[in-house]
Amino acid sequence: MLIPFDAAHEALLQHLPSLWSVVDGAWNDYQTKIPVDARAVASLRTRASFVHDFMVSRSLEMAEATSCVSSKWHRMMFVLIFESDNGLIVVRLKKLDEDGVSRNNPTKQVIDFKRQEAIPGLEADHHLEVGYILNPTQDHIQSVELVCPSGEGGVYWMAEVTPKATRENVFNLWEHRGEEEQQGTGFTVICRKIRSDEDESAG
C-alpha cells in the first residue's frame, strides 16, 4: 500500500540517521576495505554488489541494536522491517538512478514489491527503498534517498536523507491538486507529473 510521505517520515524519523549511516558507511567500506587493485578492475555491477553486501552487514548491526527493527532474507531479497504506528514498513537497500528508481532483475517478487502488492511470507503494510544516487562521474555518492516505489519504473515520492534526518529535497512525483509548492519546516515539496509505466512505454 502506498504511504504518504508525511506518514513515512513520522514513522522512520528516529531511524533516518542510522539508515543514512548504513548507506554512506557501506560506500566508504567499499573504498577502504576492498584493495585498490581489486577496485581498479571491478565492473560497476561488481562494485554495486560489494556496496550492497556492506549495506546488508551494517543493516544487520542496526537491526540487532534496535528493538523495533528486524531484518530478513526473503527469497534472495534482503529487507529491513520497521514496526510503527503506521504499520509494518519494509525497506529494501538499493542503488538508484537519478530518478530514484532501482534497477535489478525484474522477478515477480521485485515487481510485486514495487507495485506495493502483498508478497507471500513477507508481512508488510508498506514497501519503501533506501539507496544511493551517484554523481555523474560515478565516483562518489551524490545523495542518499528514501523512495516510495509505485510500480516498475514508477516513484510516488522520494526524499533525500541527511545525517540530521532533515526533510530537504522532497519530490512528490504524483500530480498534486493543491498548491504547486508546499512549504514546511525545513523542506519543500515540489510537485511533478507522475512517472508511470505507460509514460515509459510511450517514450
N, C-alpha and C. Protein backbone atom coordinates (compact mmCIF):
# COMPACT_ATOMS: atom_id res chain seq x y z
N MET A 1 0.83 -1.18 0.00
CA MET A 1 0.00 0.00 0.00
C MET A 1 0.88 1.25 0.00
N LEU A 2 0.55 2.20 -0.86
CA LEU A 2 1.30 3.45 -0.88
C LEU A 2 1.14 4.17 0.45
N ILE A 3 2.22 4.77 0.93
CA ILE A 3 2.20 5.52 2.17
C ILE A 3 2.57 6.96 1.87
N PRO A 4 1.79 7.94 2.34
CA PRO A 4 2.15 9.35 2.13
C PRO A 4 3.50 9.67 2.77
N PHE A 5 4.18 10.65 2.21
CA PHE A 5 5.50 10.99 2.74
C PHE A 5 5.43 11.37 4.21
N ASP A 6 4.46 12.20 4.61
CA ASP A 6 4.39 12.64 5.99
C ASP A 6 4.28 11.46 6.95
N ALA A 7 3.49 10.45 6.58
CA ALA A 7 3.33 9.28 7.44
C ALA A 7 4.62 8.47 7.52
N ALA A 8 5.29 8.31 6.37
CA ALA A 8 6.56 7.58 6.36
C ALA A 8 7.63 8.33 7.15
N HIS A 9 7.65 9.64 6.98
CA HIS A 9 8.64 10.45 7.69
C HIS A 9 8.44 10.34 9.19
N GLU A 10 7.19 10.41 9.63
CA GLU A 10 6.90 10.28 11.06
C GLU A 10 7.31 8.91 11.59
N ALA A 11 7.03 7.88 10.81
CA ALA A 11 7.33 6.51 11.25
C ALA A 11 8.82 6.23 11.32
N LEU A 12 9.58 6.81 10.40
CA LEU A 12 11.01 6.47 10.29
C LEU A 12 11.95 7.55 10.79
N LEU A 13 11.40 8.64 11.30
CA LEU A 13 12.22 9.79 11.66
C LEU A 13 13.39 9.40 12.56
N GLN A 14 13.14 8.62 13.59
CA GLN A 14 14.21 8.27 14.53
C GLN A 14 15.27 7.37 13.90
N HIS A 15 14.91 6.72 12.78
CA HIS A 15 15.83 5.78 12.15
C HIS A 15 16.61 6.38 10.97
N LEU A 16 16.22 7.57 10.52
CA LEU A 16 16.84 8.13 9.31
C LEU A 16 18.35 8.33 9.44
N PRO A 17 18.85 8.84 10.57
CA PRO A 17 20.31 8.95 10.68
C PRO A 17 21.01 7.61 10.56
N SER A 18 20.42 6.56 11.15
CA SER A 18 21.02 5.22 11.06
C SER A 18 20.97 4.70 9.63
N LEU A 19 19.86 4.94 8.93
CA LEU A 19 19.76 4.50 7.54
C LEU A 19 20.78 5.22 6.67
N TRP A 20 20.95 6.50 6.93
CA TRP A 20 21.98 7.25 6.18
C TRP A 20 23.36 6.64 6.43
N SER A 21 23.65 6.30 7.69
CA SER A 21 24.94 5.70 8.02
C SER A 21 25.12 4.34 7.37
N VAL A 22 24.03 3.57 7.26
CA VAL A 22 24.10 2.26 6.60
C VAL A 22 24.57 2.43 5.16
N VAL A 23 23.95 3.38 4.45
CA VAL A 23 24.26 3.56 3.03
C VAL A 23 25.60 4.25 2.82
N ASP A 24 25.80 5.37 3.47
CA ASP A 24 27.05 6.12 3.30
C ASP A 24 28.24 5.30 3.83
N GLY A 25 28.03 4.63 4.95
CA GLY A 25 29.10 3.81 5.51
C GLY A 25 29.47 2.64 4.61
N ALA A 26 28.47 2.06 3.94
CA ALA A 26 28.75 0.94 3.03
C ALA A 26 29.61 1.38 1.86
N TRP A 27 29.34 2.58 1.33
CA TRP A 27 30.17 3.10 0.25
C TRP A 27 31.61 3.31 0.75
N ASN A 28 31.74 3.85 1.94
CA ASN A 28 33.08 4.05 2.50
C ASN A 28 33.77 2.71 2.78
N ASP A 29 32.99 1.72 3.19
CA ASP A 29 33.57 0.38 3.41
C ASP A 29 34.18 -0.14 2.11
N TYR A 30 33.47 0.03 1.01
CA TYR A 30 33.99 -0.43 -0.28
C TYR A 30 35.29 0.27 -0.61
N GLN A 31 35.35 1.57 -0.35
CA GLN A 31 36.54 2.35 -0.68
C GLN A 31 37.73 2.00 0.20
N THR A 32 37.47 1.56 1.43
CA THR A 32 38.57 1.34 2.38
C THR A 32 38.90 -0.13 2.62
N LYS A 33 37.95 -1.02 2.42
CA LYS A 33 38.16 -2.43 2.76
C LYS A 33 38.46 -3.31 1.55
N ILE A 34 38.14 -2.82 0.36
CA ILE A 34 38.46 -3.56 -0.86
C ILE A 34 39.78 -3.02 -1.41
N PRO A 35 40.76 -3.87 -1.66
CA PRO A 35 42.08 -3.40 -2.14
C PRO A 35 41.97 -2.57 -3.41
N VAL A 36 42.88 -1.64 -3.55
CA VAL A 36 42.87 -0.73 -4.69
C VAL A 36 42.94 -1.49 -6.01
N ASP A 37 43.79 -2.50 -6.09
CA ASP A 37 43.93 -3.23 -7.35
C ASP A 37 42.65 -3.98 -7.70
N ALA A 38 41.89 -4.43 -6.69
CA ALA A 38 40.62 -5.10 -6.95
C ALA A 38 39.57 -4.10 -7.41
N ARG A 39 39.56 -2.92 -6.79
CA ARG A 39 38.60 -1.88 -7.21
C ARG A 39 38.89 -1.39 -8.62
N ALA A 40 40.16 -1.42 -9.00
CA ALA A 40 40.54 -0.92 -10.33
C ALA A 40 39.97 -1.77 -11.46
N VAL A 41 39.77 -3.06 -11.22
CA VAL A 41 39.28 -3.94 -12.27
C VAL A 41 37.80 -4.32 -12.08
N ALA A 42 37.21 -3.85 -10.99
CA ALA A 42 35.81 -4.21 -10.71
C ALA A 42 34.87 -3.48 -11.66
N SER A 43 33.89 -4.19 -12.17
CA SER A 43 32.86 -3.57 -13.00
C SER A 43 31.92 -2.78 -12.11
N LEU A 44 31.09 -1.93 -12.73
CA LEU A 44 30.11 -1.17 -11.97
C LEU A 44 29.14 -2.11 -11.26
N ARG A 45 28.80 -3.21 -11.91
CA ARG A 45 27.90 -4.19 -11.30
C ARG A 45 28.55 -4.84 -10.09
N THR A 46 29.84 -5.19 -10.21
CA THR A 46 30.55 -5.78 -9.09
C THR A 46 30.64 -4.81 -7.93
N ARG A 47 30.93 -3.55 -8.25
CA ARG A 47 31.01 -2.54 -7.19
C ARG A 47 29.67 -2.40 -6.47
N ALA A 48 28.58 -2.35 -7.23
CA ALA A 48 27.26 -2.23 -6.62
C ALA A 48 26.96 -3.43 -5.73
N SER A 49 27.41 -4.61 -6.15
CA SER A 49 27.20 -5.81 -5.36
C SER A 49 27.96 -5.74 -4.04
N PHE A 50 29.21 -5.29 -4.11
CA PHE A 50 30.00 -5.12 -2.89
C PHE A 50 29.33 -4.13 -1.94
N VAL A 51 28.92 -2.99 -2.48
CA VAL A 51 28.29 -1.96 -1.64
C VAL A 51 27.01 -2.51 -1.01
N HIS A 52 26.24 -3.27 -1.78
CA HIS A 52 25.02 -3.85 -1.22
C HIS A 52 25.35 -4.80 -0.07
N ASP A 53 26.39 -5.61 -0.24
CA ASP A 53 26.78 -6.53 0.82
C ASP A 53 27.17 -5.78 2.09
N PHE A 54 27.88 -4.68 1.91
CA PHE A 54 28.25 -3.87 3.07
C PHE A 54 27.01 -3.22 3.70
N MET A 55 26.03 -2.82 2.89
CA MET A 55 24.79 -2.26 3.42
C MET A 55 24.05 -3.31 4.24
N VAL A 56 24.03 -4.54 3.75
CA VAL A 56 23.39 -5.62 4.49
C VAL A 56 24.08 -5.84 5.83
N SER A 57 25.41 -5.86 5.81
CA SER A 57 26.17 -6.07 7.04
C SER A 57 25.86 -4.99 8.07
N ARG A 58 25.86 -3.75 7.62
CA ARG A 58 25.56 -2.64 8.54
C ARG A 58 24.10 -2.66 8.99
N SER A 59 23.20 -3.11 8.11
CA SER A 59 21.79 -3.19 8.47
C SER A 59 21.55 -4.24 9.55
N LEU A 60 22.27 -5.36 9.47
CA LEU A 60 22.15 -6.40 10.48
C LEU A 60 22.56 -5.86 11.85
N GLU A 61 23.60 -5.06 11.88
CA GLU A 61 24.02 -4.45 13.14
C GLU A 61 22.97 -3.47 13.65
N MET A 62 22.38 -2.70 12.73
CA MET A 62 21.34 -1.74 13.10
C MET A 62 20.13 -2.47 13.69
N ALA A 63 19.70 -3.54 13.02
CA ALA A 63 18.53 -4.28 13.49
C ALA A 63 18.77 -4.93 14.85
N GLU A 64 19.99 -5.43 15.04
CA GLU A 64 20.32 -6.08 16.31
C GLU A 64 20.31 -5.08 17.46
N ALA A 65 20.62 -3.83 17.16
CA ALA A 65 20.73 -2.81 18.21
C ALA A 65 19.42 -2.04 18.44
N THR A 66 18.39 -2.30 17.61
CA THR A 66 17.16 -1.52 17.69
C THR A 66 15.97 -2.46 17.87
N SER A 67 15.20 -2.24 18.95
CA SER A 67 14.14 -3.17 19.32
C SER A 67 13.01 -3.25 18.31
N CYS A 68 12.67 -2.14 17.65
CA CYS A 68 11.53 -2.12 16.73
C CYS A 68 11.93 -2.33 15.28
N VAL A 69 13.16 -2.79 15.07
CA VAL A 69 13.67 -3.04 13.71
C VAL A 69 14.16 -4.47 13.62
N SER A 70 13.78 -5.16 12.56
CA SER A 70 14.27 -6.51 12.32
C SER A 70 14.72 -6.63 10.87
N SER A 71 15.38 -7.70 10.55
CA SER A 71 15.87 -7.91 9.18
C SER A 71 15.46 -9.30 8.72
N LYS A 72 15.45 -9.47 7.40
CA LYS A 72 15.04 -10.75 6.85
C LYS A 72 15.55 -10.92 5.44
N TRP A 73 16.03 -12.12 5.14
CA TRP A 73 16.27 -12.54 3.77
C TRP A 73 15.02 -13.28 3.30
N HIS A 74 14.41 -12.80 2.25
CA HIS A 74 13.21 -13.46 1.73
C HIS A 74 13.41 -13.76 0.25
N ARG A 75 13.66 -15.03 -0.06
CA ARG A 75 13.88 -15.45 -1.44
C ARG A 75 14.92 -14.56 -2.14
N MET A 76 16.07 -14.46 -1.53
CA MET A 76 17.21 -13.72 -2.07
C MET A 76 17.05 -12.21 -1.99
N MET A 77 16.01 -11.72 -1.33
CA MET A 77 15.82 -10.28 -1.17
C MET A 77 15.98 -9.91 0.30
N PHE A 78 16.95 -9.04 0.58
CA PHE A 78 17.17 -8.61 1.96
C PHE A 78 16.33 -7.38 2.25
N VAL A 79 15.67 -7.37 3.41
CA VAL A 79 14.86 -6.21 3.80
C VAL A 79 15.04 -5.89 5.28
N LEU A 80 14.81 -4.65 5.61
CA LEU A 80 14.66 -4.21 6.99
C LEU A 80 13.18 -4.01 7.25
N ILE A 81 12.72 -4.41 8.43
CA ILE A 81 11.31 -4.30 8.77
C ILE A 81 11.17 -3.38 9.99
N PHE A 82 10.40 -2.32 9.81
CA PHE A 82 10.23 -1.32 10.87
C PHE A 82 8.80 -1.40 11.41
N GLU A 83 8.67 -1.57 12.71
CA GLU A 83 7.37 -1.53 13.36
C GLU A 83 7.04 -0.08 13.69
N SER A 84 5.82 0.35 13.35
CA SER A 84 5.44 1.73 13.61
C SER A 84 3.94 1.83 13.81
N ASP A 85 3.49 3.01 14.24
CA ASP A 85 2.06 3.25 14.39
C ASP A 85 1.34 3.25 13.05
N ASN A 86 2.10 3.37 11.96
CA ASN A 86 1.54 3.34 10.62
C ASN A 86 1.66 1.95 9.98
N GLY A 87 1.92 0.94 10.80
CA GLY A 87 2.01 -0.41 10.29
C GLY A 87 3.45 -0.86 10.09
N LEU A 88 3.61 -2.02 9.48
CA LEU A 88 4.94 -2.55 9.19
C LEU A 88 5.46 -1.97 7.88
N ILE A 89 6.61 -1.34 7.97
CA ILE A 89 7.25 -0.75 6.79
C ILE A 89 8.47 -1.59 6.44
N VAL A 90 8.46 -2.15 5.24
CA VAL A 90 9.56 -2.99 4.78
C VAL A 90 10.41 -2.19 3.80
N VAL A 91 11.71 -2.19 4.02
CA VAL A 91 12.63 -1.34 3.26
C VAL A 91 13.70 -2.18 2.58
N ARG A 92 13.85 -1.97 1.27
CA ARG A 92 14.96 -2.58 0.51
C ARG A 92 16.10 -1.58 0.43
N LEU A 93 17.32 -2.09 0.29
CA LEU A 93 18.51 -1.26 0.15
C LEU A 93 19.03 -1.40 -1.27
N LYS A 94 19.09 -0.29 -2.01
CA LYS A 94 19.39 -0.38 -3.43
C LYS A 94 20.26 0.78 -3.92
N LYS A 95 20.92 0.54 -5.04
CA LYS A 95 21.49 1.62 -5.84
C LYS A 95 20.35 2.18 -6.69
N LEU A 96 20.27 3.51 -6.80
CA LEU A 96 19.18 4.18 -7.51
C LEU A 96 19.70 5.00 -8.67
N ASP A 97 18.87 5.16 -9.71
CA ASP A 97 19.24 6.09 -10.77
C ASP A 97 18.83 7.50 -10.36
N GLU A 98 19.07 8.48 -11.22
CA GLU A 98 18.83 9.87 -10.84
C GLU A 98 17.36 10.18 -10.59
N ASP A 99 16.46 9.31 -11.05
CA ASP A 99 15.03 9.48 -10.81
C ASP A 99 14.55 8.74 -9.57
N GLY A 100 15.48 8.11 -8.85
CA GLY A 100 15.11 7.37 -7.66
C GLY A 100 14.60 5.97 -7.93
N VAL A 101 14.87 5.44 -9.11
CA VAL A 101 14.39 4.11 -9.50
C VAL A 101 15.51 3.08 -9.35
N SER A 102 15.21 1.98 -8.67
CA SER A 102 16.18 0.90 -8.54
C SER A 102 16.11 0.02 -9.78
N ARG A 103 17.26 -0.48 -10.18
CA ARG A 103 17.33 -1.33 -11.38
C ARG A 103 17.89 -2.69 -10.99
N ASN A 104 17.13 -3.72 -11.23
CA ASN A 104 17.62 -5.07 -10.99
C ASN A 104 16.76 -6.05 -11.76
N ASN A 105 17.06 -7.34 -11.59
CA ASN A 105 16.31 -8.37 -12.30
C ASN A 105 14.84 -8.30 -11.91
N PRO A 106 13.95 -8.05 -12.88
CA PRO A 106 12.53 -7.85 -12.55
C PRO A 106 11.79 -9.16 -12.29
N THR A 107 12.13 -9.81 -11.18
CA THR A 107 11.41 -11.01 -10.78
C THR A 107 9.99 -10.63 -10.33
N LYS A 108 9.13 -11.63 -10.23
CA LYS A 108 7.77 -11.35 -9.77
C LYS A 108 7.78 -10.73 -8.38
N GLN A 109 8.70 -11.20 -7.53
CA GLN A 109 8.79 -10.65 -6.18
C GLN A 109 9.16 -9.18 -6.20
N VAL A 110 10.11 -8.81 -7.02
CA VAL A 110 10.52 -7.41 -7.13
C VAL A 110 9.39 -6.57 -7.70
N ILE A 111 8.71 -7.09 -8.72
CA ILE A 111 7.60 -6.36 -9.33
C ILE A 111 6.49 -6.15 -8.30
N ASP A 112 6.16 -7.20 -7.54
CA ASP A 112 5.13 -7.06 -6.51
C ASP A 112 5.54 -6.06 -5.44
N PHE A 113 6.83 -6.07 -5.08
CA PHE A 113 7.33 -5.12 -4.09
C PHE A 113 7.12 -3.69 -4.58
N LYS A 114 7.51 -3.43 -5.82
CA LYS A 114 7.40 -2.08 -6.35
C LYS A 114 5.95 -1.65 -6.58
N ARG A 115 5.09 -2.61 -6.80
CA ARG A 115 3.67 -2.31 -7.01
C ARG A 115 2.91 -2.23 -5.68
N GLN A 116 3.64 -2.39 -4.57
CA GLN A 116 3.03 -2.34 -3.25
C GLN A 116 2.01 -3.48 -3.05
N GLU A 117 2.26 -4.60 -3.69
CA GLU A 117 1.37 -5.75 -3.57
C GLU A 117 1.90 -6.73 -2.53
N ALA A 118 1.00 -7.53 -1.99
CA ALA A 118 1.38 -8.49 -0.95
C ALA A 118 2.35 -9.52 -1.51
N ILE A 119 3.35 -9.86 -0.69
CA ILE A 119 4.33 -10.88 -1.05
C ILE A 119 4.18 -12.03 -0.05
N PRO A 120 3.83 -13.22 -0.51
CA PRO A 120 3.65 -14.35 0.41
C PRO A 120 4.88 -14.57 1.28
N GLY A 121 4.65 -14.67 2.58
CA GLY A 121 5.75 -14.92 3.50
C GLY A 121 6.45 -13.67 3.99
N LEU A 122 6.07 -12.51 3.48
CA LEU A 122 6.69 -11.25 3.91
C LEU A 122 5.58 -10.30 4.37
N GLU A 123 5.38 -10.25 5.67
CA GLU A 123 4.32 -9.40 6.20
C GLU A 123 4.73 -7.93 6.12
N ALA A 124 3.89 -7.12 5.51
CA ALA A 124 4.21 -5.70 5.34
C ALA A 124 2.95 -4.93 4.98
N ASP A 125 2.91 -3.68 5.45
CA ASP A 125 1.83 -2.77 5.07
C ASP A 125 2.29 -1.81 3.97
N HIS A 126 3.59 -1.50 3.98
CA HIS A 126 4.12 -0.54 3.02
C HIS A 126 5.52 -0.98 2.59
N HIS A 127 5.87 -0.71 1.33
CA HIS A 127 7.19 -1.02 0.79
C HIS A 127 7.92 0.28 0.45
N LEU A 128 9.13 0.43 0.96
CA LEU A 128 9.97 1.58 0.64
C LEU A 128 11.35 1.08 0.22
N GLU A 129 12.12 1.98 -0.36
CA GLU A 129 13.52 1.69 -0.69
C GLU A 129 14.39 2.82 -0.17
N VAL A 130 15.54 2.46 0.34
CA VAL A 130 16.58 3.42 0.72
C VAL A 130 17.80 3.10 -0.13
N GLY A 131 18.37 4.12 -0.73
CA GLY A 131 19.51 3.85 -1.59
C GLY A 131 20.33 5.09 -1.88
N TYR A 132 21.31 4.90 -2.73
CA TYR A 132 22.23 5.99 -3.05
C TYR A 132 22.17 6.31 -4.54
N ILE A 133 22.34 7.59 -4.83
CA ILE A 133 22.47 8.07 -6.21
C ILE A 133 23.90 8.57 -6.36
N LEU A 134 24.60 8.09 -7.37
CA LEU A 134 25.96 8.51 -7.60
C LEU A 134 26.02 9.79 -8.43
N ASN A 135 27.13 10.49 -8.33
CA ASN A 135 27.32 11.70 -9.14
C ASN A 135 27.52 11.30 -10.61
N PRO A 136 27.50 12.27 -11.53
CA PRO A 136 27.60 11.94 -12.97
C PRO A 136 28.83 11.12 -13.35
N THR A 137 29.93 11.30 -12.64
CA THR A 137 31.13 10.54 -12.96
C THR A 137 31.20 9.20 -12.21
N GLN A 138 30.17 8.92 -11.43
CA GLN A 138 30.03 7.62 -10.76
C GLN A 138 31.16 7.30 -9.79
N ASP A 139 31.74 8.35 -9.18
CA ASP A 139 32.86 8.08 -8.27
C ASP A 139 32.59 8.46 -6.83
N HIS A 140 31.44 9.05 -6.53
CA HIS A 140 31.05 9.25 -5.14
C HIS A 140 29.54 9.43 -5.03
N ILE A 141 29.04 9.29 -3.82
CA ILE A 141 27.60 9.40 -3.59
C ILE A 141 27.16 10.85 -3.67
N GLN A 142 26.16 11.09 -4.51
CA GLN A 142 25.58 12.42 -4.63
C GLN A 142 24.52 12.65 -3.56
N SER A 143 23.72 11.62 -3.28
CA SER A 143 22.70 11.74 -2.25
C SER A 143 22.23 10.36 -1.81
N VAL A 144 21.71 10.31 -0.60
CA VAL A 144 21.04 9.12 -0.07
C VAL A 144 19.55 9.43 -0.06
N GLU A 145 18.75 8.54 -0.65
CA GLU A 145 17.33 8.83 -0.85
C GLU A 145 16.43 7.77 -0.21
N LEU A 146 15.30 8.24 0.31
CA LEU A 146 14.21 7.38 0.76
C LEU A 146 13.13 7.47 -0.31
N VAL A 147 12.71 6.32 -0.84
CA VAL A 147 11.82 6.31 -2.01
C VAL A 147 10.61 5.42 -1.75
N CYS A 148 9.46 5.88 -2.20
CA CYS A 148 8.25 5.05 -2.19
C CYS A 148 7.96 4.64 -3.63
N PRO A 149 8.25 3.39 -4.00
CA PRO A 149 8.00 2.95 -5.38
C PRO A 149 6.51 2.77 -5.65
N SER A 150 6.13 2.97 -6.91
CA SER A 150 4.72 2.80 -7.29
C SER A 150 4.63 2.09 -8.64
N GLY A 151 5.22 0.92 -8.71
CA GLY A 151 5.22 0.16 -9.95
C GLY A 151 6.59 0.11 -10.57
N GLU A 152 6.74 -0.66 -11.62
CA GLU A 152 8.01 -0.76 -12.32
C GLU A 152 8.35 0.57 -12.96
N GLY A 153 9.45 1.17 -12.54
CA GLY A 153 9.85 2.46 -13.08
C GLY A 153 9.08 3.62 -12.52
N GLY A 154 8.18 3.39 -11.58
CA GLY A 154 7.37 4.45 -11.01
C GLY A 154 7.81 4.81 -9.60
N VAL A 155 7.68 6.08 -9.26
CA VAL A 155 8.03 6.57 -7.93
C VAL A 155 6.90 7.48 -7.44
N TYR A 156 6.37 7.18 -6.27
CA TYR A 156 5.32 8.01 -5.66
C TYR A 156 5.92 9.27 -5.09
N TRP A 157 6.99 9.12 -4.28
CA TRP A 157 7.74 10.26 -3.78
C TRP A 157 9.16 9.81 -3.46
N MET A 158 10.07 10.77 -3.42
CA MET A 158 11.44 10.49 -3.00
C MET A 158 11.93 11.66 -2.16
N ALA A 159 12.75 11.37 -1.16
CA ALA A 159 13.23 12.40 -0.24
C ALA A 159 14.67 12.12 0.12
N GLU A 160 15.48 13.15 0.11
CA GLU A 160 16.88 12.99 0.48
C GLU A 160 17.01 12.79 1.99
N VAL A 161 17.82 11.82 2.36
CA VAL A 161 18.12 11.56 3.77
C VAL A 161 19.49 12.14 4.07
N THR A 162 19.58 12.92 5.13
CA THR A 162 20.84 13.53 5.51
C THR A 162 21.24 13.04 6.90
N PRO A 163 22.47 13.31 7.33
CA PRO A 163 22.90 12.87 8.66
C PRO A 163 22.02 13.40 9.78
N LYS A 164 21.34 14.53 9.54
CA LYS A 164 20.48 15.12 10.58
C LYS A 164 19.01 14.77 10.36
N ALA A 165 18.73 13.89 9.40
CA ALA A 165 17.36 13.43 9.14
C ALA A 165 16.44 14.56 8.72
N THR A 166 16.96 15.55 8.02
CA THR A 166 16.13 16.67 7.60
C THR A 166 15.21 16.26 6.46
N ARG A 167 14.22 17.10 6.18
CA ARG A 167 13.23 16.78 5.16
C ARG A 167 13.48 17.62 3.91
N GLU A 168 14.71 17.83 3.54
CA GLU A 168 15.02 18.64 2.38
C GLU A 168 14.88 17.83 1.09
N ASN A 169 14.64 18.56 -0.01
CA ASN A 169 14.63 17.96 -1.35
C ASN A 169 13.62 16.82 -1.47
N VAL A 170 12.41 17.09 -1.02
CA VAL A 170 11.35 16.09 -1.12
C VAL A 170 10.58 16.33 -2.41
N PHE A 171 10.50 15.31 -3.26
CA PHE A 171 9.81 15.43 -4.53
C PHE A 171 8.61 14.50 -4.55
N ASN A 172 7.44 15.07 -4.75
CA ASN A 172 6.23 14.28 -4.90
C ASN A 172 6.00 14.08 -6.38
N LEU A 173 6.10 12.86 -6.85
CA LEU A 173 6.05 12.59 -8.28
C LEU A 173 4.65 12.30 -8.80
N TRP A 174 3.66 12.43 -7.94
CA TRP A 174 2.28 12.32 -8.40
C TRP A 174 1.72 13.71 -8.61
N GLU A 175 0.73 13.83 -9.50
CA GLU A 175 0.09 15.12 -9.71
C GLU A 175 -0.56 15.58 -8.41
N HIS A 176 -0.44 16.85 -8.14
CA HIS A 176 -0.92 17.42 -6.89
C HIS A 176 -2.08 18.35 -7.19
N ARG A 177 -3.11 18.32 -6.39
CA ARG A 177 -4.31 19.09 -6.67
C ARG A 177 -4.38 20.40 -5.88
N GLY A 178 -3.36 20.70 -5.13
CA GLY A 178 -3.37 21.92 -4.34
C GLY A 178 -2.34 22.92 -4.84
N GLU A 179 -1.57 23.48 -3.92
CA GLU A 179 -0.54 24.45 -4.28
C GLU A 179 0.56 23.76 -5.07
N GLU A 180 1.25 24.52 -5.92
CA GLU A 180 2.36 23.94 -6.68
C GLU A 180 3.52 23.58 -5.78
N GLU A 181 3.69 24.35 -4.71
CA GLU A 181 4.74 24.03 -3.75
C GLU A 181 4.16 24.13 -2.35
N GLN A 182 4.53 23.22 -1.50
CA GLN A 182 4.11 23.24 -0.11
C GLN A 182 5.33 23.54 0.74
N GLN A 183 5.27 24.60 1.49
CA GLN A 183 6.39 24.96 2.35
C GLN A 183 6.16 24.39 3.75
N GLY A 184 7.22 23.93 4.38
CA GLY A 184 7.13 23.41 5.74
C GLY A 184 8.46 23.62 6.42
N THR A 185 8.53 23.23 7.66
CA THR A 185 9.75 23.42 8.42
C THR A 185 10.89 22.58 7.83
N GLY A 186 11.80 23.23 7.17
CA GLY A 186 12.99 22.55 6.67
C GLY A 186 12.79 21.76 5.40
N PHE A 187 11.66 21.90 4.73
CA PHE A 187 11.50 21.13 3.50
C PHE A 187 10.53 21.83 2.55
N THR A 188 10.63 21.45 1.28
CA THR A 188 9.71 21.91 0.26
C THR A 188 9.30 20.72 -0.58
N VAL A 189 8.01 20.59 -0.83
CA VAL A 189 7.52 19.54 -1.71
C VAL A 189 7.31 20.14 -3.09
N ILE A 190 8.04 19.65 -4.07
CA ILE A 190 7.93 20.14 -5.44
C ILE A 190 7.16 19.09 -6.23
N CYS A 191 6.03 19.47 -6.77
CA CYS A 191 5.15 18.51 -7.43
C CYS A 191 5.50 18.39 -8.91
N ARG A 192 5.51 17.14 -9.40
CA ARG A 192 5.76 16.88 -10.80
C ARG A 192 4.76 15.84 -11.28
N LYS A 193 4.70 15.65 -12.58
CA LYS A 193 3.81 14.64 -13.14
C LYS A 193 4.27 13.26 -12.72
N ILE A 194 3.33 12.38 -12.48
CA ILE A 194 3.69 11.01 -12.08
C ILE A 194 4.48 10.34 -13.20
N ARG A 195 5.46 9.59 -12.80
CA ARG A 195 6.26 8.80 -13.75
C ARG A 195 5.66 7.41 -13.77
N SER A 196 4.96 7.05 -14.82
CA SER A 196 4.24 5.79 -14.87
C SER A 196 4.82 4.86 -15.91
N ASP A 197 4.40 3.61 -15.86
CA ASP A 197 4.85 2.63 -16.83
C ASP A 197 4.38 3.01 -18.22
N GLU A 198 3.16 3.57 -18.34
CA GLU A 198 2.65 3.96 -19.64
C GLU A 198 3.47 5.09 -20.25
N ASP A 199 3.92 6.03 -19.38
CA ASP A 199 4.77 7.11 -19.86
C ASP A 199 6.05 6.55 -20.45
N GLU A 200 6.65 5.55 -19.75
CA GLU A 200 7.92 4.98 -20.20
C GLU A 200 7.75 4.25 -21.53
N SER A 201 6.64 3.47 -21.66
CA SER A 201 6.47 2.72 -22.90
C SER A 201 6.16 3.63 -24.08
N ALA A 202 5.52 4.77 -23.78
CA ALA A 202 5.21 5.72 -24.86
C ALA A 202 6.44 6.48 -25.31
N GLY A 203 7.42 6.64 -24.37
CA GLY A 203 8.63 7.39 -24.67
C GLY A 203 9.63 6.57 -25.41
